[in-house]
């Protein structure tokens, strides 16, 4: 199964919480929210995840490469 995650917004309505982070990179128990999402999706035999990102896409990519060894 494949999944598309829409994660490209600026997060202007929750800017006070996210500061300058993309919403999917908010820290939740020491890991980015997106990493928790990936781990959850493993329970459903998801093989491929497509991230539809715009805002700070390079930041997201770099953090995921470091944290998840992708």
C-alpha atoms as a PDB file:
ATOM      1  CA  UNK A   1       0.000   0.000   0.000  1.00  0.00           C
ATOM      2  CA  UNK A   2       1.139   3.531  -0.750  1.00  0.00           C
ATOM      3  CA  UNK A   3       0.308   6.702   1.196  1.00  0.00           C
ATOM      4  CA  UNK A   4       0.484  10.383   0.336  1.00  0.00           C
ATOM      5  CA  UNK A   5       0.988  12.820   3.222  1.00  0.00           C
ATOM      6  CA  UNK A   6       0.110  16.438   2.536  1.00  0.00           C
ATOM      7  CA  UNK A   7       2.577  18.453   4.571  1.00  0.00           C
ATOM      8  CA  UNK A   8       3.191  21.612   2.612  1.00  0.00           C
ATOM      9  CA  UNK A   9       1.438  24.357   4.538  1.00  0.00           C
ATOM     10  CA  UNK A  10       3.008  27.289   6.316  1.00  0.00           C
ATOM     11  CA  UNK A  11       1.271  26.601   9.627  1.00  0.00           C
ATOM     12  CA  UNK A  12       0.331  30.227  10.156  1.00  0.00           C
ATOM     13  CA  UNK A  13      -2.551  29.440  12.528  1.00  0.00           C
ATOM     14  CA  UNK A  14      -0.299  27.572  14.953  1.00  0.00           C
ATOM     15  CA  UNK A  15       2.828  29.685  14.472  1.00  0.00           C
ATOM     16  CA  UNK A  16       3.049  30.358  18.221  1.00  0.00           C
ATOM     17  CA  UNK A  17       3.567  26.610  18.769  1.00  0.00           C
ATOM     18  CA  UNK A  18       5.658  25.734  15.746  1.00  0.00           C
ATOM     19  CA  UNK A  19       7.869  28.841  15.690  1.00  0.00           C
ATOM     20  CA  UNK A  20       9.651  28.440  12.331  1.00  0.00           C
ATOM     21  CA  UNK A  21       9.279  24.665  12.088  1.00  0.00           C
ATOM     22  CA  UNK A  22       7.043  22.925   9.584  1.00  0.00           C
ATOM     23  CA  UNK A  23       4.034  21.454  11.394  1.00  0.00           C
ATOM     24  CA  UNK A  24       5.102  17.871  10.679  1.00  0.00           C
ATOM     25  CA  UNK A  25       8.428  18.485  12.412  1.00  0.00           C
ATOM     26  CA  UNK A  26       7.024  19.511  15.781  1.00  0.00           C
ATOM     27  CA  UNK A  27       8.785  17.564  18.539  1.00  0.00           C
ATOM     28  CA  UNK A  28       6.616  14.932  20.166  1.00  0.00           C
ATOM     29  CA  UNK A  29       8.345  12.850  22.850  1.00  0.00           C
ATOM     30  CA  UNK A  30      11.770  13.468  21.362  1.00  0.00           C
ATOM     31  CA  UNK A  31      10.885  12.708  17.728  1.00  0.00           C
ATOM     32  CA  UNK A  32       9.346  14.730  14.924  1.00  0.00           C
ATOM     33  CA  UNK A  33       5.614  14.176  14.464  1.00  0.00           C
ATOM     34  CA  UNK A  34       6.294  12.877  10.964  1.00  0.00           C
ATOM     35  CA  UNK A  35       8.527  10.109  12.321  1.00  0.00           C
ATOM     36  CA  UNK A  36       5.706   8.954  14.613  1.00  0.00           C
ATOM     37  CA  UNK A  37       3.414   8.961  11.591  1.00  0.00           C
ATOM     38  CA  UNK A  38       5.823   6.787   9.601  1.00  0.00           C
ATOM     39  CA  UNK A  39       6.130   4.332  12.472  1.00  0.00           C
ATOM     40  CA  UNK A  40       2.337   4.155  12.761  1.00  0.00           C
ATOM     41  CA  UNK A  41       1.992   3.483   9.045  1.00  0.00           C
ATOM     42  CA  UNK A  42       4.348   0.494   9.321  1.00  0.00           C
ATOM     43  CA  UNK A  43       1.571  -1.272  11.254  1.00  0.00           C
ATOM     44  CA  UNK A  44      -0.522  -1.235   8.072  1.00  0.00           C
ATOM     45  CA  UNK A  45       2.129  -2.624   5.728  1.00  0.00           C
ATOM     46  CA  UNK A  46       2.613   0.706   3.984  1.00  0.00           C
ATOM     47  CA  UNK A  47       5.477   0.267   1.535  1.00  0.00           C
ATOM     48  CA  UNK A  48       5.854   3.781   0.110  1.00  0.00           C
ATOM     49  CA  UNK A  49       5.170   7.223   1.486  1.00  0.00           C
ATOM     50  CA  UNK A  50       5.012  10.278  -0.735  1.00  0.00           C
ATOM     51  CA  UNK A  51       5.452  13.576   1.093  1.00  0.00           C
ATOM     52  CA  UNK A  52       3.792  16.500  -0.634  1.00  0.00           C
ATOM     53  CA  UNK A  53       5.766  19.331   0.922  1.00  0.00           C
ATOM     54  CA  UNK A  54       6.565  22.897   0.039  1.00  0.00           C
ATOM     55  CA  UNK A  55       7.463  24.930   3.113  1.00  0.00           C
ATOM     56  CA  UNK A  56      11.001  24.135   4.285  1.00  0.00           C
ATOM     57  CA  UNK A  57      11.183  20.927   2.262  1.00  0.00           C
ATOM     58  CA  UNK A  58      14.987  20.758   2.519  1.00  0.00           C
ATOM     59  CA  UNK A  59      14.787  21.070   6.313  1.00  0.00           C
ATOM     60  CA  UNK A  60      12.291  18.190   6.469  1.00  0.00           C
ATOM     61  CA  UNK A  61      14.440  16.064   4.185  1.00  0.00           C
ATOM     62  CA  UNK A  62      17.607  16.706   6.197  1.00  0.00           C
ATOM     63  CA  UNK A  63      16.000  15.907   9.549  1.00  0.00           C
ATOM     64  CA  UNK A  64      14.441  12.700   8.230  1.00  0.00           C
ATOM     65  CA  UNK A  65      17.752  11.590   6.748  1.00  0.00           C
ATOM     66  CA  UNK A  66      19.446  12.100  10.112  1.00  0.00           C
ATOM     67  CA  UNK A  67      16.712  10.611  12.322  1.00  0.00           C
ATOM     68  CA  UNK A  68      15.513   7.769  10.147  1.00  0.00           C
ATOM     69  CA  UNK A  69      18.551   6.934   8.026  1.00  0.00           C
ATOM     70  CA  UNK A  70      16.586   7.239   4.772  1.00  0.00           C
END
